[in-house]
Structures are given as C-alpha cells and as structure tokens.
Amino acid sequence: MPTPETLIAFFGVAVLLAFSPGPDNVFVLLQSIRHGARAGLAVVLGLCAGLVVHTAAVALGLAAVFASSPLAFTVLKYCGAAYLTYLAWQAWRAPVTQADAASRPAAVPHDGRALRRLGARGMLMSLTNPKVLMFFLAFLPQFADPARGSLAPQIMVLGAVFMLAAFLVFGAMACFSGAFGRLLQKSAHGQRWLNRLTALVFVGLAVRLASLQR
C-alpha cells in the first residue's frame, strides 16, 4: 500500500493531468454541451470504467506485452480513429430540435438506455486509445515502491486514485458545460453549429490518434 504522502502527491498530479487538454476531457465537454450534464456524467463514468481496464492491464503485466507489439498498437489506434470518425458522422447528422421546445437538451433522451449508450461510448473511447495504456504503463509504476510489498496491489490503488481525480475534474466539467449547453439548445441555429463543431473536433481527434507513434 502506498504511503499517505505518496497518495496525496499522486492525487495532485492526477488532478493536474485531468485538467490538461486531451481527447477525454474534450469528449466530456462536447457531449455535456450537446446533451446535458447527466449525459456528460454518463460519459465520465464510461471513461473511468475504461481506466479500470487499463489499470488492471498494467497491474497484471499485460500492458508491457502490448507495448512490445507494434501491430497491436497500430490496430488499436486505427480502431479508435475509426470510432471517432463514426462519432463525427453521427454528430454531423444529428437532428435539430425546435427552439421553443428545447428547454433541455433533447438530441439524446435522458432514459437509462441512452445514458448507458453514452457510458459505453466513453468506455470504448478510452479502451481504443493506446496512448492511455502506454501512459499508465509509464506513469503508475513510478509511484509504486517495491519495499512496501507487491507492486500489483499498489498499482491498483494508484489507478483508483487516478480515477477519483478524473471523475471529480471531468464531472465538474460536465456540470458546468451542461448548464452552458442548455442555453445553446434553445437556438436551432446554435444547435446546428454545435453539431458541426462537434463533428469537426471528432475528425481532428481521429486524425491525431491515427498519426500517433509509439
């Protein structure tokens, strides 16, 4: 088990990293603006679920095997790029609600199925980004101390702390951007431009991911 001092320092670093611009927080921001805070929080939970898998992979040593395989890295990054392109197409074709009926985001209904679908999107986005796995492989072991016992449990604890930091930061983003999105959703013109902007951002993220090098 890491020391309390290590956990506090790690949590501070994790918060700063969560605030730094990246595909995950951009995804949360755009989905919250388009569909509301609840939808954004569903995406956040999905992203955190993906981090559970990445943490387990590092703790079990699977990440090291993956890092040594250029083919696995290439296949995963192109799968992620293809998924982002699909999201861009969906955003571009998203329907526009009537301005007088848009008292709340209506492009995605706030039922359990829709929220689970958004959560699955967040998880899939996290799992198909090889840089997240590579980052965890390089980052988490730096805070684990072999003198304090087995590394695998320490890495799992550090992963949980990182997920807590990500949830708090991304959750705050979802709430604030969801409130801003309610204003945009009252304008059909604003919705149309927001959908176009979302699509372009997803395309940019897809190109960026496809061009990543190990």
C-alpha atoms as a PDB file:
ATOM      1  CA  MET A   1       0.000   0.000   0.000  1.00  0.00           C
ATOM      2  CA  PRO A   2       1.476   3.423  -0.931  1.00  0.00           C
ATOM      3  CA  THR A   3       2.087   5.862   1.903  1.00  0.00           C
ATOM      4  CA  PRO A   4      -0.472   8.647   2.532  1.00  0.00           C
ATOM      5  CA  GLU A   5       2.114  11.188   1.407  1.00  0.00           C
ATOM      6  CA  THR A   6       2.568   9.336  -1.892  1.00  0.00           C
ATOM      7  CA  LEU A   7      -1.187   9.115  -2.437  1.00  0.00           C
ATOM      8  CA  ILE A   8      -1.664  12.836  -1.779  1.00  0.00           C
ATOM      9  CA  ALA A   9       1.136  13.765  -4.163  1.00  0.00           C
ATOM     10  CA  PHE A  10      -0.185  11.353  -6.776  1.00  0.00           C
ATOM     11  CA  PHE A  11      -3.713  12.746  -6.450  1.00  0.00           C
ATOM     12  CA  GLY A  12      -2.425  16.280  -7.022  1.00  0.00           C
ATOM     13  CA  VAL A  13      -0.560  15.227 -10.148  1.00  0.00           C
ATOM     14  CA  ALA A  14      -3.605  13.303 -11.396  1.00  0.00           C
ATOM     15  CA  VAL A  15      -5.846  16.366 -10.978  1.00  0.00           C
ATOM     16  CA  LEU A  16      -3.437  18.496 -12.999  1.00  0.00           C
ATOM     17  CA  LEU A  17      -3.272  15.843 -15.711  1.00  0.00           C
ATOM     18  CA  ALA A  18      -7.079  15.622 -15.851  1.00  0.00           C
ATOM     19  CA  PHE A  19      -7.271  19.382 -16.439  1.00  0.00           C
ATOM     20  CA  SER A  20      -4.713  19.272 -19.267  1.00  0.00           C
ATOM     21  CA  PRO A  21      -6.322  19.344 -22.736  1.00  0.00           C
ATOM     22  CA  GLY A  22      -6.852  15.927 -24.243  1.00  0.00           C
ATOM     23  CA  PRO A  23      -9.364  13.753 -26.104  1.00  0.00           C
ATOM     24  CA  ASP A  24     -11.140  12.608 -22.935  1.00  0.00           C
ATOM     25  CA  ASN A  25     -11.992  15.987 -21.432  1.00  0.00           C
ATOM     26  CA  VAL A  26     -12.820  17.389 -24.873  1.00  0.00           C
ATOM     27  CA  PHE A  27     -15.217  14.472 -25.369  1.00  0.00           C
ATOM     28  CA  VAL A  28     -16.854  15.115 -21.991  1.00  0.00           C
ATOM     29  CA  LEU A  29     -17.120  18.826 -22.713  1.00  0.00           C
ATOM     30  CA  LEU A  30     -18.772  18.396 -26.115  1.00  0.00           C
ATOM     31  CA  GLN A  31     -21.186  15.666 -25.033  1.00  0.00           C
ATOM     32  CA  SER A  32     -22.253  17.690 -21.989  1.00  0.00           C
ATOM     33  CA  ILE A  33     -22.882  20.796 -24.088  1.00  0.00           C
ATOM     34  CA  ARG A  34     -24.871  18.839 -26.669  1.00  0.00           C
ATOM     35  CA  HIS A  35     -26.846  16.550 -24.380  1.00  0.00           C
ATOM     36  CA  GLY A  36     -26.691  17.952 -20.845  1.00  0.00           C
ATOM     37  CA  ALA A  37     -24.867  17.311 -17.587  1.00  0.00           C
ATOM     38  CA  ARG A  38     -26.406  13.867 -16.965  1.00  0.00           C
ATOM     39  CA  ALA A  39     -25.203  12.694 -20.350  1.00  0.00           C
ATOM     40  CA  GLY A  40     -21.770  14.138 -19.636  1.00  0.00           C
ATOM     41  CA  LEU A  41     -21.595  12.318 -16.303  1.00  0.00           C
ATOM     42  CA  ALA A  42     -22.536   9.071 -18.062  1.00  0.00           C
ATOM     43  CA  VAL A  43     -19.591   9.608 -20.414  1.00  0.00           C
ATOM     44  CA  VAL A  44     -17.334  10.298 -17.409  1.00  0.00           C
ATOM     45  CA  LEU A  45     -18.366   7.008 -15.786  1.00  0.00           C
ATOM     46  CA  GLY A  46     -17.614   5.220 -19.050  1.00  0.00           C
ATOM     47  CA  LEU A  47     -14.177   6.796 -19.276  1.00  0.00           C
ATOM     48  CA  CYS A  48     -13.447   5.788 -15.678  1.00  0.00           C
ATOM     49  CA  ALA A  49     -14.568   2.233 -16.448  1.00  0.00           C
ATOM     50  CA  GLY A  50     -12.011   2.210 -19.246  1.00  0.00           C
ATOM     51  CA  LEU A  51      -9.359   3.332 -16.767  1.00  0.00           C
ATOM     52  CA  VAL A  52     -10.203   0.309 -14.605  1.00  0.00           C
ATOM     53  CA  VAL A  53      -9.268  -1.946 -17.522  1.00  0.00           C
ATOM     54  CA  HIS A  54      -6.064  -0.009 -18.224  1.00  0.00           C
ATOM     55  CA  THR A  55      -5.064  -0.171 -14.554  1.00  0.00           C
ATOM     56  CA  ALA A  56      -5.707  -3.904 -14.386  1.00  0.00           C
ATOM     57  CA  ALA A  57      -3.662  -4.414 -17.556  1.00  0.00           C
ATOM     58  CA  VAL A  58      -0.700  -2.586 -16.031  1.00  0.00           C
ATOM     59  CA  ALA A  59      -1.024  -4.428 -12.706  1.00  0.00           C
ATOM     60  CA  LEU A  60      -1.191  -7.831 -14.430  1.00  0.00           C
ATOM     61  CA  GLY A  61       1.668  -7.079 -16.807  1.00  0.00           C
ATOM     62  CA  LEU A  62      -0.495  -7.207 -19.945  1.00  0.00           C
ATOM     63  CA  ALA A  63       0.372  -3.614 -20.808  1.00  0.00           C
ATOM     64  CA  ALA A  64       4.043  -4.486 -21.113  1.00  0.00           C
ATOM     65  CA  VAL A  65       3.189  -7.233 -23.599  1.00  0.00           C
ATOM     66  CA  PHE A  66       1.024  -4.813 -25.570  1.00  0.00           C
ATOM     67  CA  ALA A  67       3.743  -2.140 -25.549  1.00  0.00           C
ATOM     68  CA  SER A  68       6.189  -4.569 -27.138  1.00  0.00           C
ATOM     69  CA  SER A  69       3.841  -5.282 -30.078  1.00  0.00           C
ATOM     70  CA  PRO A  70       3.828  -2.618 -32.828  1.00  0.00           C
ATOM     71  CA  LEU A  71       0.988  -4.468 -34.576  1.00  0.00           C
ATOM     72  CA  ALA A  72      -1.281  -4.343 -31.512  1.00  0.00           C
ATOM     73  CA  PHE A  73      -0.588  -0.635 -31.061  1.00  0.00           C
ATOM     74  CA  THR A  74      -1.329   0.089 -34.733  1.00  0.00           C
ATOM     75  CA  VAL A  75      -4.541  -1.952 -34.821  1.00  0.00           C
ATOM     76  CA  LEU A  76      -5.863  -0.351 -31.644  1.00  0.00           C
ATOM     77  CA  LYS A  77      -5.122   3.208 -32.699  1.00  0.00           C
ATOM     78  CA  TYR A  78      -6.837   2.741 -36.070  1.00  0.00           C
ATOM     79  CA  CYS A  79      -9.861   1.191 -34.366  1.00  0.00           C
ATOM     80  CA  GLY A  80     -10.012   4.259 -32.133  1.00  0.00           C
ATOM     81  CA  ALA A  81      -9.667   6.605 -35.093  1.00  0.00           C
ATOM     82  CA  ALA A  82     -12.437   4.780 -36.938  1.00  0.00           C
ATOM     83  CA  TYR A  83     -14.713   5.047 -33.906  1.00  0.00           C
ATOM     84  CA  LEU A  84     -14.074   8.778 -33.588  1.00  0.00           C
ATOM     85  CA  THR A  85     -14.865   9.190 -37.277  1.00  0.00           C
ATOM     86  CA  TYR A  86     -18.143   7.366 -36.713  1.00  0.00           C
ATOM     87  CA  LEU A  87     -18.968   9.734 -33.841  1.00  0.00           C
ATOM     88  CA  ALA A  88     -18.167  12.678 -36.117  1.00  0.00           C
ATOM     89  CA  TRP A  89     -20.605  11.376 -38.739  1.00  0.00           C
ATOM     90  CA  GLN A  90     -23.310  10.946 -36.100  1.00  0.00           C
ATOM     91  CA  ALA A  91     -22.750  14.468 -34.783  1.00  0.00           C
ATOM     92  CA  TRP A  92     -22.889  15.960 -38.291  1.00  0.00           C
ATOM     93  CA  ARG A  93     -26.212  14.231 -38.982  1.00  0.00           C
ATOM     94  CA  ALA A  94     -27.709  14.875 -35.532  1.00  0.00           C
ATOM     95  CA  PRO A  95     -31.250  16.299 -35.706  1.00  0.00           C
ATOM     96  CA  VAL A  96     -32.005  19.850 -34.578  1.00  0.00           C
ATOM     97  CA  THR A  97     -34.894  20.329 -32.167  1.00  0.00           C
ATOM     98  CA  GLN A  98     -37.322  23.211 -32.358  1.00  0.00           C
ATOM     99  CA  ALA A  99     -36.016  26.230 -30.492  1.00  0.00           C
ATOM    100  CA  ASP A 100     -39.191  26.725 -28.482  1.00  0.00           C
ATOM    101  CA  ALA A 101     -39.189  23.071 -27.403  1.00  0.00           C
ATOM    102  CA  ALA A 102     -35.589  22.899 -26.356  1.00  0.00           C
ATOM    103  CA  SER A 103     -35.971  23.760 -22.728  1.00  0.00           C
ATOM    104  CA  ARG A 104     -33.465  20.980 -22.135  1.00  0.00           C
ATOM    105  CA  PRO A 105     -31.144  19.009 -24.429  1.00  0.00           C
ATOM    106  CA  ALA A 106     -33.348  16.745 -26.491  1.00  0.00           C
ATOM    107  CA  ALA A 107     -30.979  15.164 -29.014  1.00  0.00           C
ATOM    108  CA  VAL A 108     -30.453  12.281 -26.578  1.00  0.00           C
ATOM    109  CA  PRO A 109     -33.338  11.326 -24.252  1.00  0.00           C
ATOM    110  CA  HIS A 110     -32.415  11.044 -20.600  1.00  0.00           C
ATOM    111  CA  ASP A 111     -33.560   7.452 -20.164  1.00  0.00           C
ATOM    112  CA  GLY A 112     -31.445   4.621 -18.848  1.00  0.00           C
ATOM    113  CA  ARG A 113     -30.743   3.119 -22.248  1.00  0.00           C
ATOM    114  CA  ALA A 114     -29.466   6.378 -23.727  1.00  0.00           C
ATOM    115  CA  LEU A 115     -27.260   7.083 -20.718  1.00  0.00           C
ATOM    116  CA  ARG A 116     -25.835   3.559 -20.815  1.00  0.00           C
ATOM    117  CA  ARG A 117     -25.097   4.038 -24.503  1.00  0.00           C
ATOM    118  CA  LEU A 118     -23.190   7.232 -23.762  1.00  0.00           C
ATOM    119  CA  GLY A 119     -21.316   5.494 -20.972  1.00  0.00           C
ATOM    120  CA  ALA A 120     -20.368   2.719 -23.372  1.00  0.00           C
ATOM    121  CA  ARG A 121     -19.098   5.344 -25.813  1.00  0.00           C
ATOM    122  CA  GLY A 122     -16.863   6.804 -23.131  1.00  0.00           C
ATOM    123  CA  MET A 123     -15.521   3.389 -22.179  1.00  0.00           C
ATOM    124  CA  LEU A 124     -14.904   2.405 -25.795  1.00  0.00           C
ATOM    125  CA  MET A 125     -13.140   5.692 -26.462  1.00  0.00           C
ATOM    126  CA  SER A 126     -10.826   5.078 -23.502  1.00  0.00           C
ATOM    127  CA  LEU A 127     -10.120   1.458 -24.431  1.00  0.00           C
ATOM    128  CA  THR A 128      -9.326   2.238 -28.072  1.00  0.00           C
ATOM    129  CA  ASN A 129      -6.780   4.914 -27.202  1.00  0.00           C
ATOM    130  CA  PRO A 130      -3.425   3.126 -26.919  1.00  0.00           C
ATOM    131  CA  LYS A 131      -1.770   6.248 -25.509  1.00  0.00           C
ATOM    132  CA  VAL A 132      -3.820   5.886 -22.314  1.00  0.00           C
ATOM    133  CA  LEU A 133      -2.486   2.385 -21.758  1.00  0.00           C
ATOM    134  CA  MET A 134       1.071   3.427 -22.607  1.00  0.00           C
ATOM    135  CA  PHE A 135       0.766   6.403 -20.265  1.00  0.00           C
ATOM    136  CA  PHE A 136      -0.469   4.244 -17.384  1.00  0.00           C
ATOM    137  CA  LEU A 137       2.342   1.780 -18.020  1.00  0.00           C
ATOM    138  CA  ALA A 138       4.916   4.566 -17.720  1.00  0.00           C
ATOM    139  CA  PHE A 139       3.214   6.641 -15.023  1.00  0.00           C
ATOM    140  CA  LEU A 140       1.719   4.381 -12.341  1.00  0.00           C
ATOM    141  CA  PRO A 141       4.829   2.315 -11.514  1.00  0.00           C
ATOM    142  CA  GLN A 142       6.762   5.498 -10.716  1.00  0.00           C
ATOM    143  CA  PHE A 143       4.678   5.880  -7.540  1.00  0.00           C
ATOM    144  CA  ALA A 144       4.860   2.222  -6.507  1.00  0.00           C
ATOM    145  CA  ASP A 145       7.546   1.185  -4.031  1.00  0.00           C
ATOM    146  CA  PRO A 146       8.810  -2.440  -4.119  1.00  0.00           C
ATOM    147  CA  ALA A 147       9.896  -2.041  -0.496  1.00  0.00           C
ATOM    148  CA  ARG A 148       6.247  -1.759   0.520  1.00  0.00           C
ATOM    149  CA  GLY A 149       5.209  -5.100  -0.916  1.00  0.00           C
ATOM    150  CA  SER A 150       3.801  -6.417  -4.157  1.00  0.00           C
ATOM    151  CA  LEU A 151       3.544  -3.847  -6.954  1.00  0.00           C
ATOM    152  CA  ALA A 152       0.237  -5.057  -8.391  1.00  0.00           C
ATOM    153  CA  PRO A 153      -1.947  -4.019  -5.392  1.00  0.00           C
ATOM    154  CA  GLN A 154      -0.152  -0.660  -5.200  1.00  0.00           C
ATOM    155  CA  ILE A 155      -0.798  -0.029  -8.886  1.00  0.00           C
ATOM    156  CA  MET A 156      -4.489  -0.882  -8.427  1.00  0.00           C
ATOM    157  CA  VAL A 157      -4.713   1.618  -5.552  1.00  0.00           C
ATOM    158  CA  LEU A 158      -2.956   4.289  -7.615  1.00  0.00           C
ATOM    159  CA  GLY A 159      -5.291   3.586 -10.513  1.00  0.00           C
ATOM    160  CA  ALA A 160      -8.286   4.045  -8.218  1.00  0.00           C
ATOM    161  CA  VAL A 161      -6.909   7.384  -7.000  1.00  0.00           C
ATOM    162  CA  PHE A 162      -6.354   8.483 -10.594  1.00  0.00           C
ATOM    163  CA  MET A 163      -9.950   7.523 -11.461  1.00  0.00           C
ATOM    164  CA  LEU A 164     -11.217   9.530  -8.485  1.00  0.00           C
ATOM    165  CA  ALA A 165      -9.301  12.592  -9.665  1.00  0.00           C
ATOM    166  CA  ALA A 166     -10.542  12.141 -13.228  1.00  0.00           C
ATOM    167  CA  PHE A 167     -14.136  11.703 -12.058  1.00  0.00           C
ATOM    168  CA  LEU A 168     -14.053  14.864  -9.949  1.00  0.00           C
ATOM    169  CA  VAL A 169     -12.472  17.008 -12.672  1.00  0.00           C
ATOM    170  CA  PHE A 170     -14.471  15.610 -15.587  1.00  0.00           C
ATOM    171  CA  GLY A 171     -17.650  15.620 -13.509  1.00  0.00           C
ATOM    172  CA  ALA A 172     -17.214  19.324 -12.779  1.00  0.00           C
ATOM    173  CA  MET A 173     -16.659  19.933 -16.498  1.00  0.00           C
ATOM    174  CA  ALA A 174     -19.837  18.027 -17.313  1.00  0.00           C
ATOM    175  CA  CYS A 175     -21.937  20.048 -14.853  1.00  0.00           C
ATOM    176  CA  PHE A 176     -20.659  23.464 -15.945  1.00  0.00           C
ATOM    177  CA  SER A 177     -20.719  22.756 -19.679  1.00  0.00           C
ATOM    178  CA  GLY A 178     -24.144  21.142 -19.350  1.00  0.00           C
ATOM    179  CA  ALA A 179     -25.519  24.401 -17.961  1.00  0.00           C
ATOM    180  CA  PHE A 180     -23.960  26.301 -20.858  1.00  0.00           C
ATOM    181  CA  GLY A 181     -25.361  23.776 -23.309  1.00  0.00           C
ATOM    182  CA  ARG A 182     -28.927  24.432 -22.138  1.00  0.00           C
ATOM    183  CA  LEU A 183     -28.610  27.970 -23.437  1.00  0.00           C
ATOM    184  CA  LEU A 184     -27.333  26.819 -26.833  1.00  0.00           C
ATOM    185  CA  GLN A 185     -30.034  24.182 -27.137  1.00  0.00           C
ATOM    186  CA  LYS A 186     -32.694  26.897 -27.113  1.00  0.00           C
ATOM    187  CA  SER A 187     -31.455  28.040 -30.516  1.00  0.00           C
ATOM    188  CA  ALA A 188     -31.883  25.798 -33.548  1.00  0.00           C
ATOM    189  CA  HIS A 189     -29.101  27.750 -35.270  1.00  0.00           C
ATOM    190  CA  GLY A 190     -26.849  27.276 -32.250  1.00  0.00           C
ATOM    191  CA  GLN A 191     -27.577  23.533 -32.204  1.00  0.00           C
ATOM    192  CA  ARG A 192     -26.698  23.187 -35.866  1.00  0.00           C
ATOM    193  CA  TRP A 193     -23.352  24.944 -35.452  1.00  0.00           C
ATOM    194  CA  LEU A 194     -22.640  22.984 -32.277  1.00  0.00           C
ATOM    195  CA  ASN A 195     -23.237  19.709 -34.118  1.00  0.00           C
ATOM    196  CA  ARG A 196     -20.912  20.830 -36.916  1.00  0.00           C
ATOM    197  CA  LEU A 197     -18.228  21.901 -34.444  1.00  0.00           C
ATOM    198  CA  THR A 198     -18.516  18.601 -32.579  1.00  0.00           C
ATOM    199  CA  ALA A 199     -18.115  16.665 -35.817  1.00  0.00           C
ATOM    200  CA  LEU A 200     -15.028  18.653 -36.789  1.00  0.00           C
ATOM    201  CA  VAL A 201     -13.464  18.152 -33.360  1.00  0.00           C
ATOM    202  CA  PHE A 202     -14.043  14.397 -33.570  1.00  0.00           C
ATOM    203  CA  VAL A 203     -12.458  14.304 -37.023  1.00  0.00           C
ATOM    204  CA  GLY A 204      -9.461  16.216 -35.673  1.00  0.00           C
ATOM    205  CA  LEU A 205      -9.139  13.779 -32.767  1.00  0.00           C
ATOM    206  CA  ALA A 206      -9.387  10.849 -35.184  1.00  0.00           C
ATOM    207  CA  VAL A 207      -6.596  12.239 -37.361  1.00  0.00           C
ATOM    208  CA  ARG A 208      -4.468  12.942 -34.288  1.00  0.00           C
ATOM    209  CA  LEU A 209      -4.958   9.414 -32.962  1.00  0.00           C
ATOM    210  CA  ALA A 210      -4.254   7.796 -36.333  1.00  0.00           C
ATOM    211  CA  SER A 211      -0.964   9.719 -36.579  1.00  0.00           C
ATOM    212  CA  LEU A 212       0.306   8.685 -33.129  1.00  0.00           C
ATOM    213  CA  GLN A 213       3.660   6.953 -32.969  1.00  0.00           C
ATOM    214  CA  ARG A 214       4.818   4.520 -30.302  1.00  0.00           C
END
